[in-house]
Amino acid sequence: MNNLVLILGFVVSLGLLAFAFAGPATGKAASRRLSAVKIRHSDSVDAKLEQQMRKAVAARRPIMFTEGTKMSAADRLRLRLQQTGKKWALNQYLYVSGGIFIALFGLLTIRGAPMLLAIGGATFLALAVPHFSVSYLIRKRINDFTSKFPEAIELLVRGLKSGLPVGETLGVVAREIPGPVGEEFKIVTEKIKIGKTMEDALQDTADRLGTPEFQFFVITLAIQRETGGNLAETLSNLADVLRKRAQMKLKIRAMSSESKASAYIVGSLPFVVFGLVWSVNPEYLSGFFVEQRLMIAGVIGLVWMGIGVGIMAKMVSFEI
């Protein structure tokens, strides 16, 4: 009877987890397809212009977000390492993870920890420490890029107004703007010099960065090439929009900081208490690594905690 209750609890936990992280409803996708069909068969000028803009946006869509495109785990990891701006290879990342696992497993084994705890703890930290370190470096670099990107666009606008072509203004940005913005524009100009088109070079950078701000810039250039118009004025408006977007993000971050702090405390408190009790009296909690029923109960508790942490993360995660 107890085993049946544990199995049912585990199944319910998995069901709630799937429901909590379920994707968007299919009704929204169907409505988008219907609206696209209506636009395609409409004769109005506005509808044709909107269709043309949609084509330009679809043509500039990043490869990693294109529907039906799949990347292997190794390719995704290589992309993440490139996004850090460091010249790290995939084998170096794997060596670091393996070294962390060996060191922690040996340390826990010497301290007399149960084999299950030693393997589980070493595996978790060997995967988590490099992953979160890379995520921190990516987030830091993206934030630096986003904060200085409007300045780069304004420099482009000044170059275009002075009569310089777009290719030369990209080189000016690469030389004048320090940090990630200058590095990325330098890569773009180098690709153009070896024969790539400006659109492909910019799209490669957009695929690697994965930021909406740079994707807006690439889409703006693509639409301007399709429809014509004053590129300097368009880019000036884009710079103003990106600055307002950054200000709105700061306001949202300030408003949600208290909720995020509460979520972090509530999510980490059980693990902190478990570690403190284990350090004081290991025998009191040793049953979670020996007895089968306590092990199953611990797994179910971790699943429920994962569901709660995921729901809290969604509640305090705001994106504009």
C-alpha atoms as a PDB file:
ATOM      1  CA  MET A   1       0.000   0.000   0.000  1.00  0.00           C
ATOM      2  CA  ASN A   2       2.801   2.400   0.880  1.00  0.00           C
ATOM      3  CA  ASN A   3       4.568   1.657  -2.406  1.00  0.00           C
ATOM      4  CA  LEU A   4       1.326   2.346  -4.306  1.00  0.00           C
ATOM      5  CA  VAL A   5       0.930   5.705  -2.576  1.00  0.00           C
ATOM      6  CA  LEU A   6       4.523   6.636  -3.366  1.00  0.00           C
ATOM      7  CA  ILE A   7       4.120   5.661  -7.030  1.00  0.00           C
ATOM      8  CA  LEU A   8       0.889   7.664  -7.322  1.00  0.00           C
ATOM      9  CA  GLY A   9       2.536  10.659  -5.688  1.00  0.00           C
ATOM     10  CA  PHE A  10       5.464  10.440  -8.108  1.00  0.00           C
ATOM     11  CA  VAL A  11       3.126  10.220 -11.135  1.00  0.00           C
ATOM     12  CA  VAL A  12       1.070  13.191  -9.908  1.00  0.00           C
ATOM     13  CA  SER A  13       4.267  15.164  -9.356  1.00  0.00           C
ATOM     14  CA  LEU A  14       5.403  14.496 -12.918  1.00  0.00           C
ATOM     15  CA  GLY A  15       1.980  15.495 -14.231  1.00  0.00           C
ATOM     16  CA  LEU A  16       2.033  18.771 -12.331  1.00  0.00           C
ATOM     17  CA  LEU A  17       5.579  19.409 -13.519  1.00  0.00           C
ATOM     18  CA  ALA A  18       4.541  18.902 -17.143  1.00  0.00           C
ATOM     19  CA  PHE A  19       1.541  21.182 -16.643  1.00  0.00           C
ATOM     20  CA  ALA A  20       3.656  23.888 -15.011  1.00  0.00           C
ATOM     21  CA  PHE A  21       6.139  23.973 -17.879  1.00  0.00           C
ATOM     22  CA  ALA A  22       3.701  23.330 -20.710  1.00  0.00           C
ATOM     23  CA  GLY A  23       4.231  25.334 -23.866  1.00  0.00           C
ATOM     24  CA  PRO A  24       1.797  27.752 -25.468  1.00  0.00           C
ATOM     25  CA  ALA A  25      -1.628  26.597 -26.501  1.00  0.00           C
ATOM     26  CA  THR A  26      -2.162  25.391 -30.061  1.00  0.00           C
ATOM     27  CA  GLY A  27      -5.102  27.793 -30.478  1.00  0.00           C
ATOM     28  CA  LYS A  28      -2.778  30.785 -30.615  1.00  0.00           C
ATOM     29  CA  ALA A  29      -0.657  29.148 -33.292  1.00  0.00           C
ATOM     30  CA  ALA A  30      -3.788  28.356 -35.341  1.00  0.00           C
ATOM     31  CA  SER A  31      -5.011  31.951 -35.099  1.00  0.00           C
ATOM     32  CA  ARG A  32      -1.616  33.215 -36.254  1.00  0.00           C
ATOM     33  CA  ARG A  33      -1.729  30.907 -39.275  1.00  0.00           C
ATOM     34  CA  LEU A  34      -5.249  32.071 -40.145  1.00  0.00           C
ATOM     35  CA  SER A  35      -4.216  35.732 -39.949  1.00  0.00           C
ATOM     36  CA  ALA A  36      -1.211  34.998 -42.178  1.00  0.00           C
ATOM     37  CA  VAL A  37      -3.486  33.396 -44.785  1.00  0.00           C
ATOM     38  CA  LYS A  38      -5.836  36.399 -44.701  1.00  0.00           C
ATOM     39  CA  ILE A  39      -2.926  38.802 -45.222  1.00  0.00           C
ATOM     40  CA  ARG A  40      -1.555  36.708 -48.082  1.00  0.00           C
ATOM     41  CA  HIS A  41      -4.834  36.812 -50.010  1.00  0.00           C
ATOM     42  CA  SER A  42      -5.707  40.432 -49.257  1.00  0.00           C
ATOM     43  CA  ASP A  43      -5.491  43.139 -51.934  1.00  0.00           C
ATOM     44  CA  SER A  44      -4.995  46.161 -49.662  1.00  0.00           C
ATOM     45  CA  VAL A  45      -1.732  48.104 -49.711  1.00  0.00           C
ATOM     46  CA  ASP A  46      -1.289  47.857 -45.929  1.00  0.00           C
ATOM     47  CA  ALA A  47      -1.708  44.092 -46.020  1.00  0.00           C
ATOM     48  CA  LYS A  48       0.873  43.742 -48.783  1.00  0.00           C
ATOM     49  CA  LEU A  49       3.308  45.948 -46.865  1.00  0.00           C
ATOM     50  CA  GLU A  50       2.787  43.883 -43.715  1.00  0.00           C
ATOM     51  CA  GLN A  51       3.344  40.694 -45.702  1.00  0.00           C
ATOM     52  CA  GLN A  52       6.587  42.124 -47.096  1.00  0.00           C
ATOM     53  CA  MET A  53       7.772  43.026 -43.593  1.00  0.00           C
ATOM     54  CA  ARG A  54       6.903  39.544 -42.349  1.00  0.00           C
ATOM     55  CA  LYS A  55       9.013  38.046 -45.138  1.00  0.00           C
ATOM     56  CA  ALA A  56      11.936  40.263 -44.196  1.00  0.00           C
ATOM     57  CA  VAL A  57      11.608  39.305 -40.531  1.00  0.00           C
ATOM     58  CA  ALA A  58      11.363  35.599 -41.362  1.00  0.00           C
ATOM     59  CA  ALA A  59      14.413  35.823 -43.595  1.00  0.00           C
ATOM     60  CA  ARG A  60      16.418  37.381 -40.764  1.00  0.00           C
ATOM     61  CA  ARG A  61      15.225  34.969 -38.060  1.00  0.00           C
ATOM     62  CA  PRO A  62      18.065  33.444 -36.045  1.00  0.00           C
ATOM     63  CA  ILE A  63      18.973  29.889 -36.984  1.00  0.00           C
ATOM     64  CA  MET A  64      18.644  28.613 -33.411  1.00  0.00           C
ATOM     65  CA  PHE A  65      15.041  29.838 -33.189  1.00  0.00           C
ATOM     66  CA  THR A  66      13.891  28.733 -36.641  1.00  0.00           C
ATOM     67  CA  GLU A  67      11.015  26.280 -36.454  1.00  0.00           C
ATOM     68  CA  GLY A  68      12.072  22.730 -37.270  1.00  0.00           C
ATOM     69  CA  THR A  69      15.790  23.416 -36.754  1.00  0.00           C
ATOM     70  CA  LYS A  70      17.461  21.244 -34.157  1.00  0.00           C
ATOM     71  CA  MET A  71      20.897  21.707 -32.631  1.00  0.00           C
ATOM     72  CA  SER A  72      22.812  18.935 -30.953  1.00  0.00           C
ATOM     73  CA  ALA A  73      23.824  19.265 -27.321  1.00  0.00           C
ATOM     74  CA  ALA A  74      27.474  19.696 -28.348  1.00  0.00           C
ATOM     75  CA  ASP A  75      26.583  22.496 -30.796  1.00  0.00           C
ATOM     76  CA  ARG A  76      24.490  24.286 -28.180  1.00  0.00           C
ATOM     77  CA  LEU A  77      27.353  24.051 -25.703  1.00  0.00           C
ATOM     78  CA  ARG A  78      29.824  25.389 -28.287  1.00  0.00           C
ATOM     79  CA  LEU A  79      27.448  28.282 -28.959  1.00  0.00           C
ATOM     80  CA  ARG A  80      27.241  29.068 -25.237  1.00  0.00           C
ATOM     81  CA  LEU A  81      31.034  29.070 -24.986  1.00  0.00           C
ATOM     82  CA  GLN A  82      31.220  31.467 -27.949  1.00  0.00           C
ATOM     83  CA  GLN A  83      28.689  33.758 -26.285  1.00  0.00           C
ATOM     84  CA  THR A  84      31.037  34.229 -23.322  1.00  0.00           C
ATOM     85  CA  GLY A  85      33.524  36.012 -25.573  1.00  0.00           C
ATOM     86  CA  LYS A  86      36.290  33.708 -24.301  1.00  0.00           C
ATOM     87  CA  LYS A  87      38.342  31.425 -26.506  1.00  0.00           C
ATOM     88  CA  TRP A  88      37.281  28.276 -24.697  1.00  0.00           C
ATOM     89  CA  ALA A  89      37.037  24.929 -26.452  1.00  0.00           C
ATOM     90  CA  LEU A  90      34.488  22.215 -25.735  1.00  0.00           C
ATOM     91  CA  ASN A  91      37.128  19.766 -24.497  1.00  0.00           C
ATOM     92  CA  GLN A  92      38.359  22.335 -21.944  1.00  0.00           C
ATOM     93  CA  TYR A  93      34.824  22.648 -20.576  1.00  0.00           C
ATOM     94  CA  LEU A  94      34.554  18.852 -20.278  1.00  0.00           C
ATOM     95  CA  TYR A  95      37.961  18.628 -18.580  1.00  0.00           C
ATOM     96  CA  VAL A  96      36.882  21.160 -15.953  1.00  0.00           C
ATOM     97  CA  SER A  97      33.628  19.276 -15.301  1.00  0.00           C
ATOM     98  CA  GLY A  98      35.509  15.977 -14.972  1.00  0.00           C
ATOM     99  CA  GLY A  99      38.071  17.520 -12.626  1.00  0.00           C
ATOM    100  CA  ILE A 100      35.323  18.909 -10.373  1.00  0.00           C
ATOM    101  CA  PHE A 101      33.618  15.505 -10.249  1.00  0.00           C
ATOM    102  CA  ILE A 102      36.829  13.635  -9.347  1.00  0.00           C
ATOM    103  CA  ALA A 103      37.829  16.169  -6.690  1.00  0.00           C
ATOM    104  CA  LEU A 104      34.417  16.294  -4.992  1.00  0.00           C
ATOM    105  CA  PHE A 105      33.857  12.551  -5.203  1.00  0.00           C
ATOM    106  CA  GLY A 106      37.231  11.913  -3.571  1.00  0.00           C
ATOM    107  CA  LEU A 107      36.604  14.536  -0.882  1.00  0.00           C
ATOM    108  CA  LEU A 108      33.147  13.191   0.017  1.00  0.00           C
ATOM    109  CA  THR A 109      34.410   9.607   0.039  1.00  0.00           C
ATOM    110  CA  ILE A 110      37.288  10.503   2.357  1.00  0.00           C
ATOM    111  CA  ARG A 111      34.843  12.295   4.685  1.00  0.00           C
ATOM    112  CA  GLY A 112      32.840   9.064   4.945  1.00  0.00           C
ATOM    113  CA  ALA A 113      29.755  10.134   3.001  1.00  0.00           C
ATOM    114  CA  PRO A 114      27.459   7.400   1.621  1.00  0.00           C
ATOM    115  CA  MET A 115      28.255   6.292  -1.924  1.00  0.00           C
ATOM    116  CA  LEU A 116      24.930   7.583  -3.283  1.00  0.00           C
ATOM    117  CA  LEU A 117      25.494  11.019  -1.730  1.00  0.00           C
ATOM    118  CA  ALA A 118      29.086  11.150  -3.020  1.00  0.00           C
ATOM    119  CA  ILE A 119      28.095  10.264  -6.586  1.00  0.00           C
ATOM    120  CA  GLY A 120      24.983  12.468  -6.624  1.00  0.00           C
ATOM    121  CA  GLY A 121      26.638  15.490  -5.027  1.00  0.00           C
ATOM    122  CA  ALA A 122      29.765  15.283  -7.183  1.00  0.00           C
ATOM    123  CA  THR A 123      27.715  14.848 -10.361  1.00  0.00           C
ATOM    124  CA  PHE A 124      25.416  17.741  -9.519  1.00  0.00           C
ATOM    125  CA  LEU A 125      28.237  20.167  -8.757  1.00  0.00           C
ATOM    126  CA  ALA A 126      30.313  18.968 -11.729  1.00  0.00           C
ATOM    127  CA  LEU A 127      27.403  19.858 -14.004  1.00  0.00           C
ATOM    128  CA  ALA A 128      26.117  22.929 -12.163  1.00  0.00           C
ATOM    129  CA  VAL A 129      29.326  24.869 -11.444  1.00  0.00           C
ATOM    130  CA  PRO A 130      30.575  25.102 -15.079  1.00  0.00           C
ATOM    131  CA  HIS A 131      27.040  25.647 -16.387  1.00  0.00           C
ATOM    132  CA  PHE A 132      26.226  28.527 -14.065  1.00  0.00           C
ATOM    133  CA  SER A 133      29.693  30.017 -14.486  1.00  0.00           C
ATOM    134  CA  VAL A 134      29.226  30.118 -18.261  1.00  0.00           C
ATOM    135  CA  SER A 135      25.696  31.496 -17.805  1.00  0.00           C
ATOM    136  CA  TYR A 136      27.051  34.273 -15.569  1.00  0.00           C
ATOM    137  CA  LEU A 137      29.703  35.246 -18.130  1.00  0.00           C
ATOM    138  CA  ILE A 138      27.129  35.207 -20.947  1.00  0.00           C
ATOM    139  CA  ARG A 139      24.694  37.344 -18.971  1.00  0.00           C
ATOM    140  CA  LYS A 140      27.426  39.810 -18.005  1.00  0.00           C
ATOM    141  CA  ARG A 141      28.644  40.157 -21.594  1.00  0.00           C
ATOM    142  CA  ILE A 142      25.129  40.491 -23.003  1.00  0.00           C
ATOM    143  CA  ASN A 143      24.312  43.191 -20.448  1.00  0.00           C
ATOM    144  CA  ASP A 144      27.482  45.094 -21.377  1.00  0.00           C
ATOM    145  CA  PHE A 145      26.619  44.767 -25.052  1.00  0.00           C
ATOM    146  CA  THR A 146      23.004  45.877 -24.588  1.00  0.00           C
ATOM    147  CA  SER A 147      23.947  48.913 -22.485  1.00  0.00           C
ATOM    148  CA  LYS A 148      26.355  50.280 -25.131  1.00  0.00           C
ATOM    149  CA  PHE A 149      24.498  49.160 -28.245  1.00  0.00           C
ATOM    150  CA  PRO A 150      22.311  52.322 -28.534  1.00  0.00           C
ATOM    151  CA  GLU A 151      25.513  54.373 -28.431  1.00  0.00           C
ATOM    152  CA  ALA A 152      26.864  52.299 -31.316  1.00  0.00           C
ATOM    153  CA  ILE A 153      23.673  52.858 -33.329  1.00  0.00           C
ATOM    154  CA  GLU A 154      23.895  56.612 -32.743  1.00  0.00           C
ATOM    155  CA  LEU A 155      27.500  56.525 -33.994  1.00  0.00           C
ATOM    156  CA  LEU A 156      26.238  54.715 -37.089  1.00  0.00           C
ATOM    157  CA  VAL A 157      23.620  57.435 -37.575  1.00  0.00           C
ATOM    158  CA  ARG A 158      26.251  60.180 -37.381  1.00  0.00           C
ATOM    159  CA  GLY A 159      28.417  58.344 -39.901  1.00  0.00           C
ATOM    160  CA  LEU A 160      25.528  57.892 -42.323  1.00  0.00           C
ATOM    161  CA  LYS A 161      24.527  61.548 -42.022  1.00  0.00           C
ATOM    162  CA  SER A 162      28.108  62.575 -42.817  1.00  0.00           C
ATOM    163  CA  GLY A 163      27.965  60.604 -46.064  1.00  0.00           C
ATOM    164  CA  LEU A 164      29.850  57.417 -45.146  1.00  0.00           C
ATOM    165  CA  PRO A 165      28.557  54.084 -46.500  1.00  0.00           C
ATOM    166  CA  VAL A 166      27.179  51.505 -44.076  1.00  0.00           C
ATOM    167  CA  GLY A 167      30.232  49.242 -44.343  1.00  0.00           C
ATOM    168  CA  GLU A 168      32.640  51.993 -43.286  1.00  0.00           C
ATOM    169  CA  THR A 169      30.423  53.107 -40.415  1.00  0.00           C
ATOM    170  CA  LEU A 170      30.495  49.519 -39.078  1.00  0.00           C
ATOM    171  CA  GLY A 171      34.294  49.750 -39.052  1.00  0.00           C
ATOM    172  CA  VAL A 172      34.129  53.066 -37.185  1.00  0.00           C
ATOM    173  CA  VAL A 173      31.936  51.448 -34.510  1.00  0.00           C
ATOM    174  CA  ALA A 174      34.389  48.535 -34.223  1.00  0.00           C
ATOM    175  CA  ARG A 175      37.240  50.973 -33.569  1.00  0.00           C
ATOM    176  CA  GLU A 176      35.505  53.548 -31.376  1.00  0.00           C
ATOM    177  CA  ILE A 177      33.204  51.519 -29.088  1.00  0.00           C
ATOM    178  CA  PRO A 178      35.071  49.444 -26.472  1.00  0.00           C
ATOM    179  CA  GLY A 179      33.943  46.161 -24.998  1.00  0.00           C
ATOM    180  CA  PRO A 180      31.660  43.517 -26.505  1.00  0.00           C
ATOM    181  CA  VAL A 181      30.040  45.933 -28.997  1.00  0.00           C
ATOM    182  CA  GLY A 182      33.369  46.785 -30.622  1.00  0.00           C
ATOM    183  CA  GLU A 183      34.419  43.118 -30.607  1.00  0.00           C
ATOM    184  CA  GLU A 184      31.242  41.954 -32.347  1.00  0.00           C
ATOM    185  CA  PHE A 185      31.317  44.724 -34.967  1.00  0.00           C
ATOM    186  CA  LYS A 186      34.989  43.940 -35.595  1.00  0.00           C
ATOM    187  CA  ILE A 187      34.017  40.340 -36.342  1.00  0.00           C
ATOM    188  CA  VAL A 188      31.327  41.612 -38.731  1.00  0.00           C
ATOM    189  CA  THR A 189      33.766  43.848 -40.610  1.00  0.00           C
ATOM    190  CA  GLU A 190      36.342  41.042 -40.856  1.00  0.00           C
ATOM    191  CA  LYS A 191      33.740  38.701 -42.355  1.00  0.00           C
ATOM    192  CA  ILE A 192      32.762  41.373 -44.872  1.00  0.00           C
ATOM    193  CA  LYS A 193      36.427  41.793 -45.859  1.00  0.00           C
ATOM    194  CA  ILE A 194      36.817  38.085 -46.638  1.00  0.00           C
ATOM    195  CA  GLY A 195      33.822  38.107 -48.976  1.00  0.00           C
ATOM    196  CA  LYS A 196      30.671  37.631 -46.907  1.00  0.00           C
ATOM    197  CA  THR A 197      27.728  39.914 -47.527  1.00  0.00           C
ATOM    198  CA  MET A 198      26.912  42.430 -44.841  1.00  0.00           C
ATOM    199  CA  GLU A 199      23.500  40.833 -44.233  1.00  0.00           C
ATOM    200  CA  ASP A 200      24.984  37.368 -43.688  1.00  0.00           C
ATOM    201  CA  ALA A 201      27.765  38.702 -41.456  1.00  0.00           C
ATOM    202  CA  LEU A 202      25.272  40.594 -39.291  1.00  0.00           C
ATOM    203  CA  GLN A 203      22.937  37.603 -39.135  1.00  0.00           C
ATOM    204  CA  ASP A 204      25.787  35.330 -37.993  1.00  0.00           C
ATOM    205  CA  THR A 205      26.436  37.744 -35.135  1.00  0.00           C
ATOM    206  CA  ALA A 206      22.722  37.889 -34.311  1.00  0.00           C
ATOM    207  CA  ASP A 207      22.575  34.076 -34.214  1.00  0.00           C
ATOM    208  CA  ARG A 208      25.561  33.930 -31.877  1.00  0.00           C
ATOM    209  CA  LEU A 209      24.425  36.703 -29.525  1.00  0.00           C
ATOM    210  CA  GLY A 210      20.742  35.776 -29.413  1.00  0.00           C
ATOM    211  CA  THR A 211      19.717  39.223 -28.133  1.00  0.00           C
ATOM    212  CA  PRO A 212      16.462  40.862 -29.278  1.00  0.00           C
ATOM    213  CA  GLU A 213      18.181  44.254 -29.498  1.00  0.00           C
ATOM    214  CA  PHE A 214      20.699  43.183 -32.131  1.00  0.00           C
ATOM    215  CA  GLN A 215      18.030  41.190 -33.937  1.00  0.00           C
ATOM    216  CA  PHE A 216      15.921  44.380 -34.129  1.00  0.00           C
ATOM    217  CA  PHE A 217      18.911  46.081 -35.722  1.00  0.00           C
ATOM    218  CA  VAL A 218      19.350  43.326 -38.328  1.00  0.00           C
ATOM    219  CA  ILE A 219      15.620  43.282 -39.105  1.00  0.00           C
ATOM    220  CA  THR A 220      15.609  47.068 -39.455  1.00  0.00           C
ATOM    221  CA  LEU A 221      18.394  46.923 -42.036  1.00  0.00           C
ATOM    222  CA  ALA A 222      16.632  44.102 -43.898  1.00  0.00           C
ATOM    223  CA  ILE A 223      13.300  45.967 -44.019  1.00  0.00           C
ATOM    224  CA  GLN A 224      15.054  49.156 -45.120  1.00  0.00           C
ATOM    225  CA  ARG A 225      16.667  47.286 -48.009  1.00  0.00           C
ATOM    226  CA  GLU A 226      13.267  45.850 -48.993  1.00  0.00           C
ATOM    227  CA  THR A 227      11.194  49.018 -48.682  1.00  0.00           C
ATOM    228  CA  GLY A 228      13.731  51.862 -48.925  1.00  0.00           C
ATOM    229  CA  GLY A 229      13.644  55.058 -46.880  1.00  0.00           C
ATOM    230  CA  ASN A 230      15.925  57.124 -44.692  1.00  0.00           C
ATOM    231  CA  LEU A 231      18.182  54.614 -42.923  1.00  0.00           C
ATOM    232  CA  ALA A 232      19.730  57.219 -40.597  1.00  0.00           C
ATOM    233  CA  GLU A 233      16.336  58.320 -39.301  1.00  0.00           C
ATOM    234  CA  THR A 234      15.192  54.716 -38.900  1.00  0.00           C
ATOM    235  CA  LEU A 235      18.279  53.791 -36.902  1.00  0.00           C
ATOM    236  CA  SER A 236      17.915  56.922 -34.770  1.00  0.00           C
ATOM    237  CA  ASN A 237      14.374  55.866 -33.881  1.00  0.00           C
ATOM    238  CA  LEU A 238      15.638  52.360 -33.125  1.00  0.00           C
ATOM    239  CA  ALA A 239      18.271  53.732 -30.731  1.00  0.00           C
ATOM    240  CA  ASP A 240      15.574  55.706 -28.908  1.00  0.00           C
ATOM    241  CA  VAL A 241      13.371  52.604 -28.655  1.00  0.00           C
ATOM    242  CA  LEU A 242      16.244  50.515 -27.279  1.00  0.00           C
ATOM    243  CA  ARG A 243      17.039  53.132 -24.622  1.00  0.00           C
ATOM    244  CA  LYS A 244      13.397  53.208 -23.508  1.00  0.00           C
ATOM    245  CA  ARG A 245      13.362  49.405 -23.490  1.00  0.00           C
ATOM    246  CA  ALA A 246      16.433  49.368 -21.226  1.00  0.00           C
ATOM    247  CA  GLN A 247      14.807  51.873 -18.859  1.00  0.00           C
ATOM    248  CA  MET A 248      11.657  49.748 -18.704  1.00  0.00           C
ATOM    249  CA  LYS A 249      13.736  46.666 -17.903  1.00  0.00           C
ATOM    250  CA  LEU A 250      15.393  48.499 -15.015  1.00  0.00           C
ATOM    251  CA  LYS A 251      12.005  49.530 -13.641  1.00  0.00           C
ATOM    252  CA  ILE A 252      10.692  45.964 -13.887  1.00  0.00           C
ATOM    253  CA  ARG A 253      13.833  44.633 -12.202  1.00  0.00           C
ATOM    254  CA  ALA A 254      13.448  47.090  -9.332  1.00  0.00           C
ATOM    255  CA  MET A 255       9.763  46.243  -8.884  1.00  0.00           C
ATOM    256  CA  SER A 256      10.372  42.477  -8.883  1.00  0.00           C
ATOM    257  CA  SER A 257      13.571  42.425  -6.800  1.00  0.00           C
ATOM    258  CA  GLU A 258      11.729  41.760  -3.526  1.00  0.00           C
ATOM    259  CA  SER A 259       9.768  38.860  -5.010  1.00  0.00           C
ATOM    260  CA  LYS A 260      12.925  37.387  -6.518  1.00  0.00           C
ATOM    261  CA  ALA A 261      14.745  37.608  -3.188  1.00  0.00           C
ATOM    262  CA  SER A 262      11.863  35.811  -1.455  1.00  0.00           C
ATOM    263  CA  ALA A 263      11.867  33.110  -4.142  1.00  0.00           C
ATOM    264  CA  TYR A 264      15.617  32.557  -3.756  1.00  0.00           C
ATOM    265  CA  ILE A 265      15.343  32.300   0.031  1.00  0.00           C
ATOM    266  CA  VAL A 266      12.366  29.927  -0.025  1.00  0.00           C
ATOM    267  CA  GLY A 267      13.949  27.760  -2.716  1.00  0.00           C
ATOM    268  CA  SER A 268      17.344  27.445  -1.035  1.00  0.00           C
ATOM    269  CA  LEU A 269      16.182  27.155   2.601  1.00  0.00           C
ATOM    270  CA  PRO A 270      15.448  23.366   2.575  1.00  0.00           C
ATOM    271  CA  PHE A 271      18.905  22.601   1.165  1.00  0.00           C
ATOM    272  CA  VAL A 272      20.589  24.911   3.666  1.00  0.00           C
ATOM    273  CA  VAL A 273      18.742  23.284   6.576  1.00  0.00           C
ATOM    274  CA  PHE A 274      19.571  19.815   5.248  1.00  0.00           C
ATOM    275  CA  GLY A 275      23.261  20.727   5.007  1.00  0.00           C
ATOM    276  CA  LEU A 276      23.338  22.213   8.506  1.00  0.00           C
ATOM    277  CA  VAL A 277      21.635  19.186  10.068  1.00  0.00           C
ATOM    278  CA  TRP A 278      23.939  16.857   8.134  1.00  0.00           C
ATOM    279  CA  SER A 279      27.018  18.705   9.385  1.00  0.00           C
ATOM    280  CA  VAL A 280      25.826  18.464  13.006  1.00  0.00           C
ATOM    281  CA  ASN A 281      24.361  14.932  13.045  1.00  0.00           C
ATOM    282  CA  PRO A 282      24.989  12.895   9.857  1.00  0.00           C
ATOM    283  CA  GLU A 283      23.392   9.733  11.273  1.00  0.00           C
ATOM    284  CA  TYR A 284      20.046  11.514  11.665  1.00  0.00           C
ATOM    285  CA  LEU A 285      19.724  11.950   7.873  1.00  0.00           C
ATOM    286  CA  SER A 286      21.668   8.902   6.723  1.00  0.00           C
ATOM    287  CA  GLY A 287      18.409   7.014   6.173  1.00  0.00           C
ATOM    288  CA  PHE A 288      17.702   9.087   3.061  1.00  0.00           C
ATOM    289  CA  PHE A 289      20.659   7.352   1.382  1.00  0.00           C
ATOM    290  CA  VAL A 290      20.071   3.821   2.723  1.00  0.00           C
ATOM    291  CA  GLU A 291      16.366   3.046   3.167  1.00  0.00           C
ATOM    292  CA  GLN A 292      14.357   2.665  -0.029  1.00  0.00           C
ATOM    293  CA  ARG A 293      11.189   4.324   1.243  1.00  0.00           C
ATOM    294  CA  LEU A 294      13.052   7.402   2.463  1.00  0.00           C
ATOM    295  CA  MET A 295      14.925   7.585  -0.835  1.00  0.00           C
ATOM    296  CA  ILE A 296      11.657   7.547  -2.797  1.00  0.00           C
ATOM    297  CA  ALA A 297      10.139  10.117  -0.439  1.00  0.00           C
ATOM    298  CA  GLY A 298      13.210  12.313  -0.917  1.00  0.00           C
ATOM    299  CA  VAL A 299      12.941  12.086  -4.708  1.00  0.00           C
ATOM    300  CA  ILE A 300       9.251  12.993  -4.592  1.00  0.00           C
ATOM    301  CA  GLY A 301      10.052  15.912  -2.273  1.00  0.00           C
ATOM    302  CA  LEU A 302      12.711  17.148  -4.700  1.00  0.00           C
ATOM    303  CA  VAL A 303      10.215  16.930  -7.577  1.00  0.00           C
ATOM    304  CA  TRP A 304       7.648  18.949  -5.650  1.00  0.00           C
ATOM    305  CA  MET A 305      10.278  21.505  -4.703  1.00  0.00           C
ATOM    306  CA  GLY A 306      11.347  21.698  -8.349  1.00  0.00           C
ATOM    307  CA  ILE A 307       7.754  22.403  -9.355  1.00  0.00           C
ATOM    308  CA  GLY A 308       7.482  25.139  -6.735  1.00  0.00           C
ATOM    309  CA  VAL A 309      10.779  26.727  -7.726  1.00  0.00           C
ATOM    310  CA  GLY A 310       9.774  26.621 -11.405  1.00  0.00           C
ATOM    311  CA  ILE A 311       6.416  28.270 -10.701  1.00  0.00           C
ATOM    312  CA  MET A 312       8.047  30.954  -8.559  1.00  0.00           C
ATOM    313  CA  ALA A 313      10.634  31.572 -11.285  1.00  0.00           C
ATOM    314  CA  LYS A 314       7.853  32.065 -13.831  1.00  0.00           C
ATOM    315  CA  MET A 315       5.972  34.392 -11.494  1.00  0.00           C
ATOM    316  CA  VAL A 316       8.954  36.710 -10.992  1.00  0.00           C
ATOM    317  CA  SER A 317      10.322  36.478 -14.542  1.00  0.00           C
ATOM    318  CA  PHE A 318       9.245  39.444 -16.661  1.00  0.00           C
ATOM    319  CA  GLU A 319      10.356  40.024 -20.235  1.00  0.00           C
ATOM    320  CA  ILE A 320       9.506  42.891 -22.573  1.00  0.00           C
END
